Amino acid sequence: HGNAEIVSDVPWEPMSSVHLLGTDNLGRDLLSRMIYGARITLFIAVLATALSFSLGAILGFSAAVFGGWFDT
């Protein structure tokens, strides 16, 4: 479902197999709205993890090969 798409005529519909988290006061699917809202947060988390892993791998490899300043 779309973020703002009204999918039910019944407001506050409880959880069901069609709407896993139910609907809000306007009949919008809550799971779809949560996933839509979490997009930026998940992107930043994945980006930070990849950046940290890359930097750690580069510094670890440099310490193993060159030693010196990297070892301290």
PDB file of N, CA and C in Angstrom:
ATOM      1  N   HIS A   1       0.835  -1.182   0.000  1.00  0.00           N
ATOM      2  CA  HIS A   1       0.000   0.000   0.000  1.00  0.00           C
ATOM      3  C   HIS A   1       0.875   1.238   0.000  1.00  0.00           C
ATOM      4  N   GLY A   2       0.355   2.289  -0.529  1.00  0.00           N
ATOM      5  CA  GLY A   2       1.066   3.555  -0.509  1.00  0.00           C
ATOM      6  C   GLY A   2       1.049   4.172   0.878  1.00  0.00           C
ATOM      7  N   ASN A   3       1.920   5.133   1.095  1.00  0.00           N
ATOM      8  CA  ASN A   3       2.050   5.769   2.405  1.00  0.00           C
ATOM      9  C   ASN A   3       0.761   6.435   2.865  1.00  0.00           C
ATOM     10  N   ALA A   4       0.112   7.179   2.009  1.00  0.00           N
ATOM     11  CA  ALA A   4      -1.091   7.922   2.394  1.00  0.00           C
ATOM     12  C   ALA A   4      -2.369   7.309   1.823  1.00  0.00           C
ATOM     13  N   GLU A   5      -2.262   6.124   1.251  1.00  0.00           N
ATOM     14  CA  GLU A   5      -3.417   5.482   0.636  1.00  0.00           C
ATOM     15  C   GLU A   5      -4.395   4.988   1.705  1.00  0.00           C
ATOM     16  N   ILE A   6      -5.639   5.358   1.584  1.00  0.00           N
ATOM     17  CA  ILE A   6      -6.670   4.886   2.509  1.00  0.00           C
ATOM     18  C   ILE A   6      -7.134   3.521   2.016  1.00  0.00           C
ATOM     19  N   VAL A   7      -6.906   2.494   2.831  1.00  0.00           N
ATOM     20  CA  VAL A   7      -7.161   1.119   2.405  1.00  0.00           C
ATOM     21  C   VAL A   7      -8.365   0.499   3.090  1.00  0.00           C
ATOM     22  N   SER A   8      -8.954   1.207   4.050  1.00  0.00           N
ATOM     23  CA  SER A   8     -10.093   0.656   4.774  1.00  0.00           C
ATOM     24  C   SER A   8     -11.102   1.757   5.065  1.00  0.00           C
ATOM     25  N   ASP A   9     -12.366   1.396   4.983  1.00  0.00           N
ATOM     26  CA  ASP A   9     -13.422   2.346   5.334  1.00  0.00           C
ATOM     27  C   ASP A   9     -13.628   2.414   6.842  1.00  0.00           C
ATOM     28  N   VAL A  10     -13.092   1.424   7.548  1.00  0.00           N
ATOM     29  CA  VAL A  10     -13.269   1.338   8.999  1.00  0.00           C
ATOM     30  C   VAL A  10     -12.033   1.914   9.683  1.00  0.00           C
ATOM     31  N   PRO A  11     -12.164   3.018  10.427  1.00  0.00           N
ATOM     32  CA  PRO A  11     -11.002   3.545  11.155  1.00  0.00           C
ATOM     33  C   PRO A  11     -10.653   2.639  12.330  1.00  0.00           C
ATOM     34  N   TRP A  12      -9.399   2.625  12.700  1.00  0.00           N
ATOM     35  CA  TRP A  12      -8.876   1.831  13.819  1.00  0.00           C
ATOM     36  C   TRP A  12      -9.200   0.342  13.665  1.00  0.00           C
ATOM     37  N   GLU A  13      -9.076  -0.165  12.444  1.00  0.00           N
ATOM     38  CA  GLU A  13      -9.298  -1.593  12.216  1.00  0.00           C
ATOM     39  C   GLU A  13      -8.208  -2.376  12.946  1.00  0.00           C
ATOM     40  N   PRO A  14      -8.560  -3.431  13.680  1.00  0.00           N
ATOM     41  CA  PRO A  14      -7.543  -4.183  14.428  1.00  0.00           C
ATOM     42  C   PRO A  14      -6.642  -4.993  13.497  1.00  0.00           C
ATOM     43  N   MET A  15      -5.612  -5.600  14.082  1.00  0.00           N
ATOM     44  CA  MET A  15      -4.687  -6.419  13.305  1.00  0.00           C
ATOM     45  C   MET A  15      -5.443  -7.553  12.623  1.00  0.00           C
ATOM     46  N   SER A  16      -5.010  -7.870  11.404  1.00  0.00           N
ATOM     47  CA  SER A  16      -5.614  -8.966  10.646  1.00  0.00           C
ATOM     48  C   SER A  16      -4.589  -9.465   9.641  1.00  0.00           C
ATOM     49  N   SER A  17      -4.966 -10.480   8.882  1.00  0.00           N
ATOM     50  CA  SER A  17      -4.037 -10.989   7.869  1.00  0.00           C
ATOM     51  C   SER A  17      -3.874 -10.000   6.716  1.00  0.00           C
ATOM     52  N   VAL A  18      -4.827  -9.105   6.548  1.00  0.00           N
ATOM     53  CA  VAL A  18      -4.742  -8.095   5.490  1.00  0.00           C
ATOM     54  C   VAL A  18      -3.914  -6.902   5.952  1.00  0.00           C
ATOM     55  N   HIS A  19      -4.132  -6.452   7.177  1.00  0.00           N
ATOM     56  CA  HIS A  19      -3.408  -5.317   7.760  1.00  0.00           C
ATOM     57  C   HIS A  19      -2.714  -5.821   9.027  1.00  0.00           C
ATOM     58  N   LEU A  20      -1.423  -6.143   8.909  1.00  0.00           N
ATOM     59  CA  LEU A  20      -0.715  -6.811  10.005  1.00  0.00           C
ATOM     60  C   LEU A  20      -0.674  -5.995  11.290  1.00  0.00           C
ATOM     61  N   LEU A  21      -0.621  -4.673  11.193  1.00  0.00           N
ATOM     62  CA  LEU A  21      -0.636  -3.826  12.387  1.00  0.00           C
ATOM     63  C   LEU A  21      -1.933  -3.036  12.521  1.00  0.00           C
ATOM     64  N   GLY A  22      -2.897  -3.311  11.669  1.00  0.00           N
ATOM     65  CA  GLY A  22      -4.164  -2.596  11.717  1.00  0.00           C
ATOM     66  C   GLY A  22      -4.100  -1.310  10.918  1.00  0.00           C
ATOM     67  N   THR A  23      -5.099  -0.450  11.153  1.00  0.00           N
ATOM     68  CA  THR A  23      -5.162   0.829  10.450  1.00  0.00           C
ATOM     69  C   THR A  23      -5.282   1.970  11.454  1.00  0.00           C
ATOM     70  N   ASP A  24      -5.022   3.181  10.978  1.00  0.00           N
ATOM     71  CA  ASP A  24      -5.117   4.353  11.858  1.00  0.00           C
ATOM     72  C   ASP A  24      -6.508   4.976  11.772  1.00  0.00           C
ATOM     73  N   ASN A  25      -6.648   6.174  12.316  1.00  0.00           N
ATOM     74  CA  ASN A  25      -7.960   6.826  12.378  1.00  0.00           C
ATOM     75  C   ASN A  25      -8.522   7.210  11.014  1.00  0.00           C
ATOM     76  N   LEU A  26      -7.686   7.236   9.980  1.00  0.00           N
ATOM     77  CA  LEU A  26      -8.161   7.551   8.632  1.00  0.00           C
ATOM     78  C   LEU A  26      -8.296   6.310   7.752  1.00  0.00           C
ATOM     79  N   GLY A  27      -7.955   5.134   8.287  1.00  0.00           N
ATOM     80  CA  GLY A  27      -8.036   3.902   7.521  1.00  0.00           C
ATOM     81  C   GLY A  27      -6.785   3.587   6.727  1.00  0.00           C
ATOM     82  N   ARG A  28      -5.645   4.184   7.093  1.00  0.00           N
ATOM     83  CA  ARG A  28      -4.374   3.915   6.404  1.00  0.00           C
ATOM     84  C   ARG A  28      -3.651   2.765   7.103  1.00  0.00           C
ATOM     85  N   ASP A  29      -2.965   1.931   6.340  1.00  0.00           N
ATOM     86  CA  ASP A  29      -2.251   0.773   6.867  1.00  0.00           C
ATOM     87  C   ASP A  29      -1.047   1.226   7.696  1.00  0.00           C
ATOM     88  N   LEU A  30      -0.986   0.786   8.970  1.00  0.00           N
ATOM     89  CA  LEU A  30       0.077   1.241   9.865  1.00  0.00           C
ATOM     90  C   LEU A  30       1.440   0.659   9.504  1.00  0.00           C
ATOM     91  N   LEU A  31       1.500  -0.608   9.079  1.00  0.00           N
ATOM     92  CA  LEU A  31       2.787  -1.204   8.711  1.00  0.00           C
ATOM     93  C   LEU A  31       3.410  -0.470   7.526  1.00  0.00           C
ATOM     94  N   SER A  32       2.615  -0.138   6.529  1.00  0.00           N
ATOM     95  CA  SER A  32       3.128   0.605   5.370  1.00  0.00           C
ATOM     96  C   SER A  32       3.672   1.966   5.786  1.00  0.00           C
ATOM     97  N   ARG A  33       2.977   2.629   6.694  1.00  0.00           N
ATOM     98  CA  ARG A  33       3.418   3.947   7.151  1.00  0.00           C
ATOM     99  C   ARG A  33       4.706   3.847   7.961  1.00  0.00           C
ATOM    100  N   MET A  34       4.860   2.785   8.774  1.00  0.00           N
ATOM    101  CA  MET A  34       6.088   2.615   9.556  1.00  0.00           C
ATOM    102  C   MET A  34       7.281   2.324   8.650  1.00  0.00           C
ATOM    103  N   ILE A  35       7.094   1.473   7.661  1.00  0.00           N
ATOM    104  CA  ILE A  35       8.175   1.157   6.723  1.00  0.00           C
ATOM    105  C   ILE A  35       8.578   2.410   5.949  1.00  0.00           C
ATOM    106  N   TYR A  36       7.606   3.180   5.504  1.00  0.00           N
ATOM    107  CA  TYR A  36       7.888   4.415   4.775  1.00  0.00           C
ATOM    108  C   TYR A  36       8.657   5.402   5.653  1.00  0.00           C
ATOM    109  N   GLY A  37       8.292   5.503   6.916  1.00  0.00           N
ATOM    110  CA  GLY A  37       8.959   6.431   7.829  1.00  0.00           C
ATOM    111  C   GLY A  37      10.361   5.995   8.215  1.00  0.00           C
ATOM    112  N   ALA A  38      10.642   4.698   8.142  1.00  0.00           N
ATOM    113  CA  ALA A  38      11.942   4.182   8.556  1.00  0.00           C
ATOM    114  C   ALA A  38      12.968   4.162   7.429  1.00  0.00           C
ATOM    115  N   ARG A  39      12.593   4.550   6.228  1.00  0.00           N
ATOM    116  CA  ARG A  39      13.513   4.470   5.084  1.00  0.00           C
ATOM    117  C   ARG A  39      14.797   5.244   5.314  1.00  0.00           C
ATOM    118  N   ILE A  40      14.708   6.483   5.734  1.00  0.00           N
ATOM    119  CA  ILE A  40      15.893   7.324   5.906  1.00  0.00           C
ATOM    120  C   ILE A  40      16.752   6.800   7.047  1.00  0.00           C
ATOM    121  N   THR A  41      16.125   6.400   8.143  1.00  0.00           N
ATOM    122  CA  THR A  41      16.867   5.871   9.282  1.00  0.00           C
ATOM    123  C   THR A  41      17.635   4.615   8.896  1.00  0.00           C
ATOM    124  N   LEU A  42      17.004   3.704   8.177  1.00  0.00           N
ATOM    125  CA  LEU A  42      17.682   2.482   7.752  1.00  0.00           C
ATOM    126  C   LEU A  42      18.819   2.785   6.785  1.00  0.00           C
ATOM    127  N   PHE A  43      18.630   3.733   5.879  1.00  0.00           N
ATOM    128  CA  PHE A  43      19.684   4.106   4.943  1.00  0.00           C
ATOM    129  C   PHE A  43      20.896   4.656   5.690  1.00  0.00           C
ATOM    130  N   ILE A  44      20.675   5.534   6.657  1.00  0.00           N
ATOM    131  CA  ILE A  44      21.778   6.112   7.431  1.00  0.00           C
ATOM    132  C   ILE A  44      22.486   5.034   8.238  1.00  0.00           C
ATOM    133  N   ALA A  45      21.741   4.096   8.819  1.00  0.00           N
ATOM    134  CA  ALA A  45      22.347   3.020   9.602  1.00  0.00           C
ATOM    135  C   ALA A  45      23.221   2.125   8.727  1.00  0.00           C
ATOM    136  N   VAL A  46      22.744   1.764   7.553  1.00  0.00           N
ATOM    137  CA  VAL A  46      23.528   0.925   6.640  1.00  0.00           C
ATOM    138  C   VAL A  46      24.758   1.679   6.149  1.00  0.00           C
ATOM    139  N   LEU A  47      24.606   2.952   5.828  1.00  0.00           N
ATOM    140  CA  LEU A  47      25.729   3.763   5.376  1.00  0.00           C
ATOM    141  C   LEU A  47      26.797   3.888   6.468  1.00  0.00           C
ATOM    142  N   ALA A  48      26.394   4.140   7.705  1.00  0.00           N
ATOM    143  CA  ALA A  48      27.345   4.267   8.812  1.00  0.00           C
ATOM    144  C   ALA A  48      28.065   2.945   9.066  1.00  0.00           C
ATOM    145  N   THR A  49      27.349   1.840   8.973  1.00  0.00           N
ATOM    146  CA  THR A  49      27.966   0.526   9.163  1.00  0.00           C
ATOM    147  C   THR A  49      28.988   0.243   8.068  1.00  0.00           C
ATOM    148  N   ALA A  50      28.642   0.514   6.826  1.00  0.00           N
ATOM    149  CA  ALA A  50      29.562   0.279   5.714  1.00  0.00           C
ATOM    150  C   ALA A  50      30.794   1.171   5.817  1.00  0.00           C
ATOM    151  N   LEU A  51      30.605   2.426   6.193  1.00  0.00           N
ATOM    152  CA  LEU A  51      31.727   3.350   6.341  1.00  0.00           C
ATOM    153  C   LEU A  51      32.656   2.910   7.475  1.00  0.00           C
ATOM    154  N   SER A  52      32.093   2.512   8.604  1.00  0.00           N
ATOM    155  CA  SER A  52      32.899   2.053   9.734  1.00  0.00           C
ATOM    156  C   SER A  52      33.666   0.785   9.384  1.00  0.00           C
ATOM    157  N   PHE A  53      33.002  -0.139   8.705  1.00  0.00           N
ATOM    158  CA  PHE A  53      33.664  -1.372   8.302  1.00  0.00           C
ATOM    159  C   PHE A  53      34.815  -1.085   7.342  1.00  0.00           C
ATOM    160  N   SER A  54      34.582  -0.219   6.374  1.00  0.00           N
ATOM    161  CA  SER A  54      35.621   0.110   5.394  1.00  0.00           C
ATOM    162  C   SER A  54      36.821   0.772   6.056  1.00  0.00           C
ATOM    163  N   LEU A  55      36.570   1.753   6.914  1.00  0.00           N
ATOM    164  CA  LEU A  55      37.658   2.440   7.600  1.00  0.00           C
ATOM    165  C   LEU A  55      38.429   1.480   8.505  1.00  0.00           C
ATOM    166  N   GLY A  56      37.724   0.626   9.226  1.00  0.00           N
ATOM    167  CA  GLY A  56      38.381  -0.355  10.085  1.00  0.00           C
ATOM    168  C   GLY A  56      39.213  -1.350   9.298  1.00  0.00           C
ATOM    169  N   ALA A  57      38.705  -1.786   8.150  1.00  0.00           N
ATOM    170  CA  ALA A  57      39.450  -2.726   7.316  1.00  0.00           C
ATOM    171  C   ALA A  57      40.709  -2.079   6.755  1.00  0.00           C
ATOM    172  N   ILE A  58      40.610  -0.831   6.321  1.00  0.00           N
ATOM    173  CA  ILE A  58      41.783  -0.126   5.784  1.00  0.00           C
ATOM    174  C   ILE A  58      42.834   0.073   6.865  1.00  0.00           C
ATOM    175  N   LEU A  59      42.416   0.539   8.042  1.00  0.00           N
ATOM    176  CA  LEU A  59      43.381   0.747   9.132  1.00  0.00           C
ATOM    177  C   LEU A  59      43.969  -0.571   9.617  1.00  0.00           C
ATOM    178  N   GLY A  60      43.165  -1.616   9.706  1.00  0.00           N
ATOM    179  CA  GLY A  60      43.670  -2.923  10.121  1.00  0.00           C
ATOM    180  C   GLY A  60      44.665  -3.494   9.128  1.00  0.00           C
ATOM    181  N   PHE A  61      44.364  -3.379   7.849  1.00  0.00           N
ATOM    182  CA  PHE A  61      45.280  -3.854   6.821  1.00  0.00           C
ATOM    183  C   PHE A  61      46.582  -3.056   6.850  1.00  0.00           C
ATOM    184  N   SER A  62      46.466  -1.746   7.012  1.00  0.00           N
ATOM    185  CA  SER A  62      47.662  -0.899   7.068  1.00  0.00           C
ATOM    186  C   SER A  62      48.520  -1.242   8.279  1.00  0.00           C
ATOM    187  N   ALA A  63      47.908  -1.498   9.415  1.00  0.00           N
ATOM    188  CA  ALA A  63      48.660  -1.862  10.617  1.00  0.00           C
ATOM    189  C   ALA A  63      49.358  -3.200  10.430  1.00  0.00           C
ATOM    190  N   ALA A  64      48.714  -4.131   9.755  1.00  0.00           N
ATOM    191  CA  ALA A  64      49.322  -5.439   9.535  1.00  0.00           C
ATOM    192  C   ALA A  64      50.493  -5.363   8.562  1.00  0.00           C
ATOM    193  N   VAL A  65      50.392  -4.526   7.556  1.00  0.00           N
ATOM    194  CA  VAL A  65      51.425  -4.465   6.525  1.00  0.00           C
ATOM    195  C   VAL A  65      52.559  -3.525   6.908  1.00  0.00           C
ATOM    196  N   PHE A  66      52.232  -2.321   7.378  1.00  0.00           N
ATOM    197  CA  PHE A  66      53.243  -1.298   7.597  1.00  0.00           C
ATOM    198  C   PHE A  66      53.702  -1.188   9.043  1.00  0.00           C
ATOM    199  N   GLY A  67      52.815  -1.412  10.012  1.00  0.00           N
ATOM    200  CA  GLY A  67      53.185  -1.238  11.417  1.00  0.00           C
ATOM    201  C   GLY A  67      53.398   0.227  11.731  1.00  0.00           C
ATOM    202  N   GLY A  68      54.312   0.523  12.661  1.00  0.00           N
ATOM    203  CA  GLY A  68      54.651   1.907  12.991  1.00  0.00           C
ATOM    204  C   GLY A  68      53.501   2.665  13.615  1.00  0.00           C
ATOM    205  N   TRP A  69      53.150   3.827  13.019  1.00  0.00           N
ATOM    206  CA  TRP A  69      52.118   4.711  13.575  1.00  0.00           C
ATOM    207  C   TRP A  69      50.765   4.001  13.698  1.00  0.00           C
ATOM    208  N   PHE A  70      50.464   3.101  12.760  1.00  0.00           N
ATOM    209  CA  PHE A  70      49.176   2.409  12.780  1.00  0.00           C
ATOM    210  C   PHE A  70      49.041   1.472  13.971  1.00  0.00           C
ATOM    211  N   ASP A  71      50.161   0.981  14.509  1.00  0.00           N
ATOM    212  CA  ASP A  71      50.114   0.038  15.628  1.00  0.00           C
ATOM    213  C   ASP A  71      49.856   0.711  16.962  1.00  0.00           C
ATOM    214  N   THR A  72      50.081   1.998  17.067  1.00  0.00           N
ATOM    215  CA  THR A  72      49.932   2.651  18.370  1.00  0.00           C
ATOM    216  C   THR A  72      48.525   3.042  18.653  1.00  0.00           C
TER     217      THR A  72
END
